[in-house]
């Protein structure tokens, strides 16, 4: 598992990410292409959940060598309470994606 850094590790295959929506809620997902997925969310086609809660901001991500590990981490995060997700975001700040 790779920590959040300015540039994702080149060996990373998939990412688990957390978005903060305009209503303060969180959306967690996984993707093999983080920039493309963020663009989709921002344009309103990323997911039904985020479409009605724009704008969204990437607040946390981790990279993984396999899709399976990224999906497993997504499931773990989805079981967290809102307060626990807040703590995760606070303990691991995420750089802006450009």
PDB file of N, CA and C in Angstrom:
ATOM      1  N   UNK A   1       0.855  -1.168   0.000  1.00  0.00           N
ATOM      2  CA  UNK A   1       0.000   0.000   0.000  1.00  0.00           C
ATOM      3  C   UNK A   1       0.903   1.233   0.000  1.00  0.00           C
ATOM      4  N   UNK A   2       0.584   2.198  -0.839  1.00  0.00           N
ATOM      5  CA  UNK A   2       1.388   3.403  -0.966  1.00  0.00           C
ATOM      6  C   UNK A   2       0.642   4.578  -0.352  1.00  0.00           C
ATOM      7  N   UNK A   3       1.348   5.395   0.402  1.00  0.00           N
ATOM      8  CA  UNK A   3       0.737   6.575   1.021  1.00  0.00           C
ATOM      9  C   UNK A   3       0.427   7.630  -0.029  1.00  0.00           C
ATOM     10  N   UNK A   4      -0.416   8.581   0.338  1.00  0.00           N
ATOM     11  CA  UNK A   4      -0.798   9.667  -0.549  1.00  0.00           C
ATOM     12  C   UNK A   4       0.374  10.613  -0.732  1.00  0.00           C
ATOM     13  N   UNK A   5       0.771  10.831  -1.959  1.00  0.00           N
ATOM     14  CA  UNK A   5       1.861  11.754  -2.276  1.00  0.00           C
ATOM     15  C   UNK A   5       1.411  12.643  -3.427  1.00  0.00           C
ATOM     16  N   UNK A   6       2.241  13.613  -3.780  1.00  0.00           N
ATOM     17  CA  UNK A   6       1.891  14.564  -4.832  1.00  0.00           C
ATOM     18  C   UNK A   6       1.613  13.862  -6.158  1.00  0.00           C
ATOM     19  N   UNK A   7       2.397  12.879  -6.514  1.00  0.00           N
ATOM     20  CA  UNK A   7       2.179  12.119  -7.741  1.00  0.00           C
ATOM     21  C   UNK A   7       2.003  10.654  -7.386  1.00  0.00           C
ATOM     22  N   UNK A   8       0.977   9.999  -7.948  1.00  0.00           N
ATOM     23  CA  UNK A   8       0.788   8.583  -7.676  1.00  0.00           C
ATOM     24  C   UNK A   8       1.999   7.773  -8.130  1.00  0.00           C
ATOM     25  N   UNK A   9       2.276   6.691  -7.421  1.00  0.00           N
ATOM     26  CA  UNK A   9       3.401   5.826  -7.765  1.00  0.00           C
ATOM     27  C   UNK A   9       3.198   5.257  -9.168  1.00  0.00           C
ATOM     28  N   UNK A  10       4.256   5.255 -10.012  1.00  0.00           N
ATOM     29  CA  UNK A  10       4.103   4.760 -11.374  1.00  0.00           C
ATOM     30  C   UNK A  10       3.715   3.289 -11.435  1.00  0.00           C
ATOM     31  N   UNK A  11       4.033   2.521 -10.403  1.00  0.00           N
ATOM     32  CA  UNK A  11       3.702   1.099 -10.398  1.00  0.00           C
ATOM     33  C   UNK A  11       2.264   0.838  -9.945  1.00  0.00           C
ATOM     34  N   UNK A  12       1.576   1.877  -9.503  1.00  0.00           N
ATOM     35  CA  UNK A  12       0.209   1.708  -9.013  1.00  0.00           C
ATOM     36  C   UNK A  12      -0.710   1.323 -10.163  1.00  0.00           C
ATOM     37  N   UNK A  13      -1.589   0.385  -9.890  1.00  0.00           N
ATOM     38  CA  UNK A  13      -2.545  -0.065 -10.882  1.00  0.00           C
ATOM     39  C   UNK A  13      -3.908   0.560 -10.626  1.00  0.00           C
ATOM     40  N   UNK A  14      -4.297   0.643  -9.350  1.00  0.00           N
ATOM     41  CA  UNK A  14      -5.617   1.155  -8.991  1.00  0.00           C
ATOM     42  C   UNK A  14      -5.547   2.055  -7.770  1.00  0.00           C
ATOM     43  N   UNK A  15      -6.572   2.863  -7.630  1.00  0.00           N
ATOM     44  CA  UNK A  15      -6.649   3.814  -6.525  1.00  0.00           C
ATOM     45  C   UNK A  15      -7.987   3.665  -5.817  1.00  0.00           C
ATOM     46  N   UNK A  16      -7.969   3.850  -4.516  1.00  0.00           N
ATOM     47  CA  UNK A  16      -9.175   4.023  -3.725  1.00  0.00           C
ATOM     48  C   UNK A  16      -9.180   5.495  -3.329  1.00  0.00           C
ATOM     49  N   UNK A  17     -10.325   6.146  -3.475  1.00  0.00           N
ATOM     50  CA  UNK A  17     -10.363   7.589  -3.251  1.00  0.00           C
ATOM     51  C   UNK A  17     -11.603   7.989  -2.469  1.00  0.00           C
ATOM     52  N   UNK A  18     -11.519   9.168  -1.879  1.00  0.00           N
ATOM     53  CA  UNK A  18     -12.619   9.727  -1.105  1.00  0.00           C
ATOM     54  C   UNK A  18     -12.850  11.153  -1.577  1.00  0.00           C
ATOM     55  N   UNK A  19     -14.089  11.440  -1.949  1.00  0.00           N
ATOM     56  CA  UNK A  19     -14.484  12.786  -2.363  1.00  0.00           C
ATOM     57  C   UNK A  19     -15.342  13.410  -1.281  1.00  0.00           C
ATOM     58  N   UNK A  20     -15.198  14.721  -1.100  1.00  0.00           N
ATOM     59  CA  UNK A  20     -16.124  15.459  -0.240  1.00  0.00           C
ATOM     60  C   UNK A  20     -17.096  16.168  -1.171  1.00  0.00           C
ATOM     61  N   UNK A  21     -18.369  15.914  -0.954  1.00  0.00           N
ATOM     62  CA  UNK A  21     -19.411  16.507  -1.791  1.00  0.00           C
ATOM     63  C   UNK A  21     -19.836  17.861  -1.226  1.00  0.00           C
ATOM     64  N   UNK A  22     -20.566  18.625  -2.029  1.00  0.00           N
ATOM     65  CA  UNK A  22     -20.972  19.973  -1.623  1.00  0.00           C
ATOM     66  C   UNK A  22     -21.861  19.984  -0.389  1.00  0.00           C
ATOM     67  N   UNK A  23     -22.544  18.880  -0.111  1.00  0.00           N
ATOM     68  CA  UNK A  23     -23.400  18.826   1.079  1.00  0.00           C
ATOM     69  C   UNK A  23     -22.647  18.319   2.309  1.00  0.00           C
ATOM     70  N   UNK A  24     -21.328  18.108   2.183  1.00  0.00           N
ATOM     71  CA  UNK A  24     -20.514  17.665   3.301  1.00  0.00           C
ATOM     72  C   UNK A  24     -20.394  16.154   3.425  1.00  0.00           C
ATOM     73  N   UNK A  25     -21.137  15.428   2.616  1.00  0.00           N
ATOM     74  CA  UNK A  25     -21.049  13.972   2.660  1.00  0.00           C
ATOM     75  C   UNK A  25     -19.805  13.505   1.911  1.00  0.00           C
ATOM     76  N   UNK A  26     -19.476  12.228   2.078  1.00  0.00           N
ATOM     77  CA  UNK A  26     -18.325  11.637   1.408  1.00  0.00           C
ATOM     78  C   UNK A  26     -18.785  10.603   0.387  1.00  0.00           C
ATOM     79  N   UNK A  27     -18.012  10.477  -0.666  1.00  0.00           N
ATOM     80  CA  UNK A  27     -18.218   9.427  -1.657  1.00  0.00           C
ATOM     81  C   UNK A  27     -16.904   8.682  -1.793  1.00  0.00           C
ATOM     82  N   UNK A  28     -16.939   7.362  -1.667  1.00  0.00           N
ATOM     83  CA  UNK A  28     -15.741   6.541  -1.791  1.00  0.00           C
ATOM     84  C   UNK A  28     -15.869   5.661  -3.026  1.00  0.00           C
ATOM     85  N   UNK A  29     -14.771   5.516  -3.745  1.00  0.00           N
ATOM     86  CA  UNK A  29     -14.759   4.655  -4.922  1.00  0.00           C
ATOM     87  C   UNK A  29     -13.356   4.162  -5.210  1.00  0.00           C
ATOM     88  N   UNK A  30     -13.226   3.379  -6.265  1.00  0.00           N
ATOM     89  CA  UNK A  30     -11.921   2.918  -6.718  1.00  0.00           C
ATOM     90  C   UNK A  30     -11.866   3.098  -8.230  1.00  0.00           C
ATOM     91  N   UNK A  31     -10.660   3.208  -8.764  1.00  0.00           N
ATOM     92  CA  UNK A  31     -10.485   3.411 -10.201  1.00  0.00           C
ATOM     93  C   UNK A  31      -9.059   3.083 -10.616  1.00  0.00           C
ATOM     94  N   UNK A  32      -8.862   2.679 -11.873  1.00  0.00           N
ATOM     95  CA  UNK A  32      -7.502   2.512 -12.378  1.00  0.00           C
ATOM     96  C   UNK A  32      -6.903   3.833 -12.882  1.00  0.00           C
ATOM     97  N   UNK A  33      -7.752   4.846 -13.106  1.00  0.00           N
ATOM     98  CA  UNK A  33      -7.292   6.132 -13.640  1.00  0.00           C
ATOM     99  C   UNK A  33      -7.915   7.259 -12.817  1.00  0.00           C
ATOM    100  N   UNK A  34      -7.180   7.737 -11.833  1.00  0.00           N
ATOM    101  CA  UNK A  34      -7.718   8.704 -10.886  1.00  0.00           C
ATOM    102  C   UNK A  34      -8.096  10.026 -11.560  1.00  0.00           C
ATOM    103  N   UNK A  35      -7.237  10.558 -12.406  1.00  0.00           N
ATOM    104  CA  UNK A  35      -7.547  11.849 -13.050  1.00  0.00           C
ATOM    105  C   UNK A  35      -8.794  11.756 -13.918  1.00  0.00           C
ATOM    106  N   UNK A  36      -8.918  10.682 -14.677  1.00  0.00           N
ATOM    107  CA  UNK A  36     -10.083  10.507 -15.540  1.00  0.00           C
ATOM    108  C   UNK A  36     -11.362  10.367 -14.713  1.00  0.00           C
ATOM    109  N   UNK A  37     -11.279   9.624 -13.613  1.00  0.00           N
ATOM    110  CA  UNK A  37     -12.452   9.421 -12.759  1.00  0.00           C
ATOM    111  C   UNK A  37     -12.875  10.718 -12.078  1.00  0.00           C
ATOM    112  N   UNK A  38     -11.910  11.520 -11.631  1.00  0.00           N
ATOM    113  CA  UNK A  38     -12.237  12.809 -11.012  1.00  0.00           C
ATOM    114  C   UNK A  38     -12.900  13.742 -12.010  1.00  0.00           C
ATOM    115  N   UNK A  39     -12.409  13.718 -13.230  1.00  0.00           N
ATOM    116  CA  UNK A  39     -13.003  14.528 -14.291  1.00  0.00           C
ATOM    117  C   UNK A  39     -14.458  14.107 -14.535  1.00  0.00           C
ATOM    118  N   UNK A  40     -14.699  12.800 -14.544  1.00  0.00           N
ATOM    119  CA  UNK A  40     -16.059  12.295 -14.740  1.00  0.00           C
ATOM    120  C   UNK A  40     -16.973  12.746 -13.605  1.00  0.00           C
ATOM    121  N   UNK A  41     -16.502  12.628 -12.372  1.00  0.00           N
ATOM    122  CA  UNK A  41     -17.315  13.080 -11.236  1.00  0.00           C
ATOM    123  C   UNK A  41     -17.614  14.569 -11.341  1.00  0.00           C
ATOM    124  N   UNK A  42     -16.608  15.361 -11.654  1.00  0.00           N
ATOM    125  CA  UNK A  42     -16.767  16.818 -11.724  1.00  0.00           C
ATOM    126  C   UNK A  42     -17.717  17.254 -12.832  1.00  0.00           C
ATOM    127  N   UNK A  43     -17.794  16.468 -13.899  1.00  0.00           N
ATOM    128  CA  UNK A  43     -18.678  16.830 -15.005  1.00  0.00           C
ATOM    129  C   UNK A  43     -20.088  16.267 -14.847  1.00  0.00           C
ATOM    130  N   UNK A  44     -20.325  15.537 -13.749  1.00  0.00           N
ATOM    131  CA  UNK A  44     -21.669  15.050 -13.474  1.00  0.00           C
ATOM    132  C   UNK A  44     -21.981  13.668 -14.023  1.00  0.00           C
ATOM    133  N   UNK A  45     -20.990  12.973 -14.565  1.00  0.00           N
ATOM    134  CA  UNK A  45     -21.240  11.637 -15.106  1.00  0.00           C
ATOM    135  C   UNK A  45     -20.507  10.546 -14.337  1.00  0.00           C
ATOM    136  N   UNK A  46     -19.863  10.900 -13.224  1.00  0.00           N
ATOM    137  CA  UNK A  46     -19.086   9.933 -12.455  1.00  0.00           C
ATOM    138  C   UNK A  46     -19.930   8.938 -11.683  1.00  0.00           C
ATOM    139  N   UNK A  47     -20.990   9.403 -11.058  1.00  0.00           N
ATOM    140  CA  UNK A  47     -21.901   8.524 -10.323  1.00  0.00           C
ATOM    141  C   UNK A  47     -23.204   9.268 -10.060  1.00  0.00           C
ATOM    142  N   UNK A  48     -24.237   8.502  -9.858  1.00  0.00           N
ATOM    143  CA  UNK A  48     -25.542   9.089  -9.556  1.00  0.00           C
ATOM    144  C   UNK A  48     -25.495   9.871  -8.241  1.00  0.00           C
ATOM    145  N   UNK A  49     -24.747   9.336  -7.264  1.00  0.00           N
ATOM    146  CA  UNK A  49     -24.661   9.977  -5.956  1.00  0.00           C
ATOM    147  C   UNK A  49     -24.015  11.356  -6.053  1.00  0.00           C
ATOM    148  N   UNK A  50     -22.879  11.458  -6.732  1.00  0.00           N
ATOM    149  CA  UNK A  50     -22.170  12.738  -6.780  1.00  0.00           C
ATOM    150  C   UNK A  50     -22.808  13.733  -7.746  1.00  0.00           C
ATOM    151  N   UNK A  51     -23.541  13.248  -8.725  1.00  0.00           N
ATOM    152  CA  UNK A  51     -24.163  14.127  -9.729  1.00  0.00           C
ATOM    153  C   UNK A  51     -25.025  15.209  -9.091  1.00  0.00           C
ATOM    154  N   UNK A  52     -25.729  14.861  -8.027  1.00  0.00           N
ATOM    155  CA  UNK A  52     -26.615  15.836  -7.381  1.00  0.00           C
ATOM    156  C   UNK A  52     -25.937  16.561  -6.216  1.00  0.00           C
ATOM    157  N   UNK A  53     -24.633  16.331  -6.047  1.00  0.00           N
ATOM    158  CA  UNK A  53     -23.915  16.936  -4.923  1.00  0.00           C
ATOM    159  C   UNK A  53     -22.653  17.662  -5.385  1.00  0.00           C
ATOM    160  N   UNK A  54     -22.697  18.207  -6.582  1.00  0.00           N
ATOM    161  CA  UNK A  54     -21.540  18.932  -7.124  1.00  0.00           C
ATOM    162  C   UNK A  54     -21.433  20.303  -6.497  1.00  0.00           C
ATOM    163  N   UNK A  55     -20.245  20.857  -6.372  1.00  0.00           N
ATOM    164  CA  UNK A  55     -18.982  20.259  -6.801  1.00  0.00           C
ATOM    165  C   UNK A  55     -18.443  19.279  -5.764  1.00  0.00           C
ATOM    166  N   UNK A  56     -17.573  18.388  -6.233  1.00  0.00           N
ATOM    167  CA  UNK A  56     -16.908  17.438  -5.347  1.00  0.00           C
ATOM    168  C   UNK A  56     -15.414  17.743  -5.346  1.00  0.00           C
ATOM    169  N   UNK A  57     -14.754  17.388  -4.228  1.00  0.00           N
ATOM    170  CA  UNK A  57     -13.325  17.648  -4.076  1.00  0.00           C
ATOM    171  C   UNK A  57     -12.641  16.368  -3.621  1.00  0.00           C
ATOM    172  N   UNK A  58     -11.551  16.013  -4.273  1.00  0.00           N
ATOM    173  CA  UNK A  58     -10.754  14.873  -3.832  1.00  0.00           C
ATOM    174  C   UNK A  58     -10.073  15.251  -2.524  1.00  0.00           C
ATOM    175  N   UNK A  59     -10.321  14.479  -1.474  1.00  0.00           N
ATOM    176  CA  UNK A  59      -9.733  14.796  -0.170  1.00  0.00           C
ATOM    177  C   UNK A  59      -8.779  13.719   0.334  1.00  0.00           C
ATOM    178  N   UNK A  60      -8.785  12.536  -0.324  1.00  0.00           N
ATOM    179  CA  UNK A  60      -7.926  11.448   0.125  1.00  0.00           C
ATOM    180  C   UNK A  60      -7.850  10.382  -0.959  1.00  0.00           C
ATOM    181  N   UNK A  61      -6.691   9.746  -1.091  1.00  0.00           N
ATOM    182  CA  UNK A  61      -6.578   8.559  -1.943  1.00  0.00           C
ATOM    183  C   UNK A  61      -5.389   7.709  -1.520  1.00  0.00           C
ATOM    184  N   UNK A  62      -5.433   6.447  -1.916  1.00  0.00           N
ATOM    185  CA  UNK A  62      -4.336   5.504  -1.729  1.00  0.00           C
ATOM    186  C   UNK A  62      -4.165   4.755  -3.044  1.00  0.00           C
ATOM    187  N   UNK A  63      -2.952   4.345  -3.342  1.00  0.00           N
ATOM    188  CA  UNK A  63      -2.706   3.547  -4.539  1.00  0.00           C
ATOM    189  C   UNK A  63      -2.415   2.106  -4.140  1.00  0.00           C
ATOM    190  N   UNK A  64      -2.769   1.188  -5.032  1.00  0.00           N
ATOM    191  CA  UNK A  64      -2.617  -0.244  -4.789  1.00  0.00           C
ATOM    192  C   UNK A  64      -2.098  -0.937  -6.040  1.00  0.00           C
ATOM    193  N   UNK A  65      -1.362  -2.025  -5.868  1.00  0.00           N
ATOM    194  CA  UNK A  65      -0.823  -2.739  -7.026  1.00  0.00           C
ATOM    195  C   UNK A  65      -1.862  -3.588  -7.757  1.00  0.00           C
ATOM    196  N   UNK A  66      -3.017  -3.849  -7.121  1.00  0.00           N
ATOM    197  CA  UNK A  66      -4.047  -4.656  -7.777  1.00  0.00           C
ATOM    198  C   UNK A  66      -5.432  -4.054  -7.571  1.00  0.00           C
ATOM    199  N   UNK A  67      -6.326  -4.381  -8.486  1.00  0.00           N
ATOM    200  CA  UNK A  67      -7.714  -3.940  -8.399  1.00  0.00           C
ATOM    201  C   UNK A  67      -8.373  -4.536  -7.155  1.00  0.00           C
ATOM    202  N   UNK A  68      -8.081  -5.777  -6.865  1.00  0.00           N
ATOM    203  CA  UNK A  68      -8.669  -6.454  -5.709  1.00  0.00           C
ATOM    204  C   UNK A  68      -8.375  -5.708  -4.409  1.00  0.00           C
ATOM    205  N   UNK A  69      -7.125  -5.283  -4.223  1.00  0.00           N
ATOM    206  CA  UNK A  69      -6.768  -4.562  -3.001  1.00  0.00           C
ATOM    207  C   UNK A  69      -7.462  -3.207  -2.924  1.00  0.00           C
ATOM    208  N   UNK A  70      -7.577  -2.523  -4.056  1.00  0.00           N
ATOM    209  CA  UNK A  70      -8.270  -1.223  -4.077  1.00  0.00           C
ATOM    210  C   UNK A  70      -9.744  -1.400  -3.728  1.00  0.00           C
ATOM    211  N   UNK A  71     -10.364  -2.435  -4.268  1.00  0.00           N
ATOM    212  CA  UNK A  71     -11.776  -2.691  -3.988  1.00  0.00           C
ATOM    213  C   UNK A  71     -11.985  -3.096  -2.524  1.00  0.00           C
ATOM    214  N   UNK A  72     -11.056  -3.841  -1.980  1.00  0.00           N
ATOM    215  CA  UNK A  72     -11.142  -4.239  -0.574  1.00  0.00           C
ATOM    216  C   UNK A  72     -11.068  -3.003   0.328  1.00  0.00           C
ATOM    217  N   UNK A  73     -10.147  -2.091   0.005  1.00  0.00           N
ATOM    218  CA  UNK A  73     -10.007  -0.873   0.812  1.00  0.00           C
ATOM    219  C   UNK A  73     -11.261  -0.006   0.705  1.00  0.00           C
ATOM    220  N   UNK A  74     -11.857   0.051  -0.502  1.00  0.00           N
ATOM    221  CA  UNK A  74     -13.100   0.797  -0.680  1.00  0.00           C
ATOM    222  C   UNK A  74     -14.181   0.260   0.255  1.00  0.00           C
ATOM    223  N   UNK A  75     -14.315  -1.051   0.339  1.00  0.00           N
ATOM    224  CA  UNK A  75     -15.313  -1.663   1.235  1.00  0.00           C
ATOM    225  C   UNK A  75     -15.042  -1.307   2.690  1.00  0.00           C
ATOM    226  N   UNK A  76     -13.770  -1.309   3.078  1.00  0.00           N
ATOM    227  CA  UNK A  76     -13.413  -0.947   4.456  1.00  0.00           C
ATOM    228  C   UNK A  76     -13.834   0.491   4.759  1.00  0.00           C
ATOM    229  N   UNK A  77     -13.542   1.395   3.843  1.00  0.00           N
ATOM    230  CA  UNK A  77     -13.840   2.810   4.063  1.00  0.00           C
ATOM    231  C   UNK A  77     -15.343   3.057   4.073  1.00  0.00           C
ATOM    232  N   UNK A  78     -16.087   2.378   3.225  1.00  0.00           N
ATOM    233  CA  UNK A  78     -17.535   2.559   3.193  1.00  0.00           C
ATOM    234  C   UNK A  78     -18.197   2.143   4.502  1.00  0.00           C
ATOM    235  N   UNK A  79     -17.543   1.298   5.285  1.00  0.00           N
ATOM    236  CA  UNK A  79     -18.085   0.882   6.580  1.00  0.00           C
ATOM    237  C   UNK A  79     -17.772   1.884   7.693  1.00  0.00           C
ATOM    238  N   UNK A  80     -16.914   2.850   7.429  1.00  0.00           N
ATOM    239  CA  UNK A  80     -16.560   3.846   8.437  1.00  0.00           C
ATOM    240  C   UNK A  80     -17.695   4.836   8.645  1.00  0.00           C
ATOM    241  N   UNK A  81     -17.763   5.398   9.831  1.00  0.00           N
ATOM    242  CA  UNK A  81     -18.727   6.470  10.100  1.00  0.00           C
ATOM    243  C   UNK A  81     -18.202   7.762   9.464  1.00  0.00           C
ATOM    244  N   UNK A  82     -19.060   8.755   9.401  1.00  0.00           N
ATOM    245  CA  UNK A  82     -18.650  10.046   8.858  1.00  0.00           C
ATOM    246  C   UNK A  82     -17.481  10.617   9.673  1.00  0.00           C
ATOM    247  N   UNK A  83     -17.570  10.495  10.990  1.00  0.00           N
ATOM    248  CA  UNK A  83     -16.502  11.008  11.857  1.00  0.00           C
ATOM    249  C   UNK A  83     -15.184  10.269  11.603  1.00  0.00           C
ATOM    250  N   UNK A  84     -15.253   8.987  11.373  1.00  0.00           N
ATOM    251  CA  UNK A  84     -14.042   8.218  11.082  1.00  0.00           C
ATOM    252  C   UNK A  84     -13.449   8.619   9.732  1.00  0.00           C
ATOM    253  N   UNK A  85     -14.305   8.909   8.768  1.00  0.00           N
ATOM    254  CA  UNK A  85     -13.818   9.389   7.464  1.00  0.00           C
ATOM    255  C   UNK A  85     -13.180  10.766   7.617  1.00  0.00           C
ATOM    256  N   UNK A  86     -13.779  11.628   8.450  1.00  0.00           N
ATOM    257  CA  UNK A  86     -13.170  12.929   8.751  1.00  0.00           C
ATOM    258  C   UNK A  86     -11.765  12.740   9.303  1.00  0.00           C
ATOM    259  N   UNK A  87     -11.623  11.818  10.244  1.00  0.00           N
ATOM    260  CA  UNK A  87     -10.322  11.556  10.860  1.00  0.00           C
ATOM    261  C   UNK A  87      -9.322  11.034   9.833  1.00  0.00           C
ATOM    262  N   UNK A  88      -9.760  10.176   8.930  1.00  0.00           N
ATOM    263  CA  UNK A  88      -8.889   9.661   7.874  1.00  0.00           C
ATOM    264  C   UNK A  88      -8.397  10.805   6.995  1.00  0.00           C
ATOM    265  N   UNK A  89      -9.289  11.671   6.613  1.00  0.00           N
ATOM    266  CA  UNK A  89      -8.933  12.818   5.772  1.00  0.00           C
ATOM    267  C   UNK A  89      -7.952  13.738   6.508  1.00  0.00           C
ATOM    268  N   UNK A  90      -8.226  14.000   7.779  1.00  0.00           N
ATOM    269  CA  UNK A  90      -7.364  14.882   8.561  1.00  0.00           C
ATOM    270  C   UNK A  90      -5.965  14.308   8.764  1.00  0.00           C
ATOM    271  N   UNK A  91      -5.880  12.994   8.903  1.00  0.00           N
ATOM    272  CA  UNK A  91      -4.586  12.377   9.177  1.00  0.00           C
ATOM    273  C   UNK A  91      -3.745  12.192   7.919  1.00  0.00           C
ATOM    274  N   UNK A  92      -4.357  12.278   6.763  1.00  0.00           N
ATOM    275  CA  UNK A  92      -3.643  12.088   5.501  1.00  0.00           C
ATOM    276  C   UNK A  92      -4.138  13.102   4.481  1.00  0.00           C
ATOM    277  N   UNK A  93      -3.593  14.284   4.503  1.00  0.00           N
ATOM    278  CA  UNK A  93      -4.060  15.304   3.574  1.00  0.00           C
ATOM    279  C   UNK A  93      -3.724  14.915   2.140  1.00  0.00           C
ATOM    280  N   UNK A  94      -4.543  15.345   1.235  1.00  0.00           N
ATOM    281  CA  UNK A  94      -4.419  14.985  -0.180  1.00  0.00           C
ATOM    282  C   UNK A  94      -4.068  16.218  -0.992  1.00  0.00           C
ATOM    283  N   UNK A  95      -3.045  16.146  -1.831  1.00  0.00           N
ATOM    284  CA  UNK A  95      -2.710  17.288  -2.691  1.00  0.00           C
ATOM    285  C   UNK A  95      -3.771  17.463  -3.770  1.00  0.00           C
ATOM    286  N   UNK A  96      -3.883  18.653  -4.277  1.00  0.00           N
ATOM    287  CA  UNK A  96      -4.826  18.924  -5.362  1.00  0.00           C
ATOM    288  C   UNK A  96      -4.385  18.210  -6.633  1.00  0.00           C
ATOM    289  N   UNK A  97      -5.337  17.651  -7.336  1.00  0.00           N
ATOM    290  CA  UNK A  97      -5.055  17.002  -8.615  1.00  0.00           C
ATOM    291  C   UNK A  97      -5.210  18.027  -9.729  1.00  0.00           C
ATOM    292  N   UNK A  98      -4.280  18.054 -10.655  1.00  0.00           N
ATOM    293  CA  UNK A  98      -4.351  19.035 -11.721  1.00  0.00           C
ATOM    294  C   UNK A  98      -4.398  18.471 -13.012  1.00  0.00           C
TER     295      UNK A  98
END
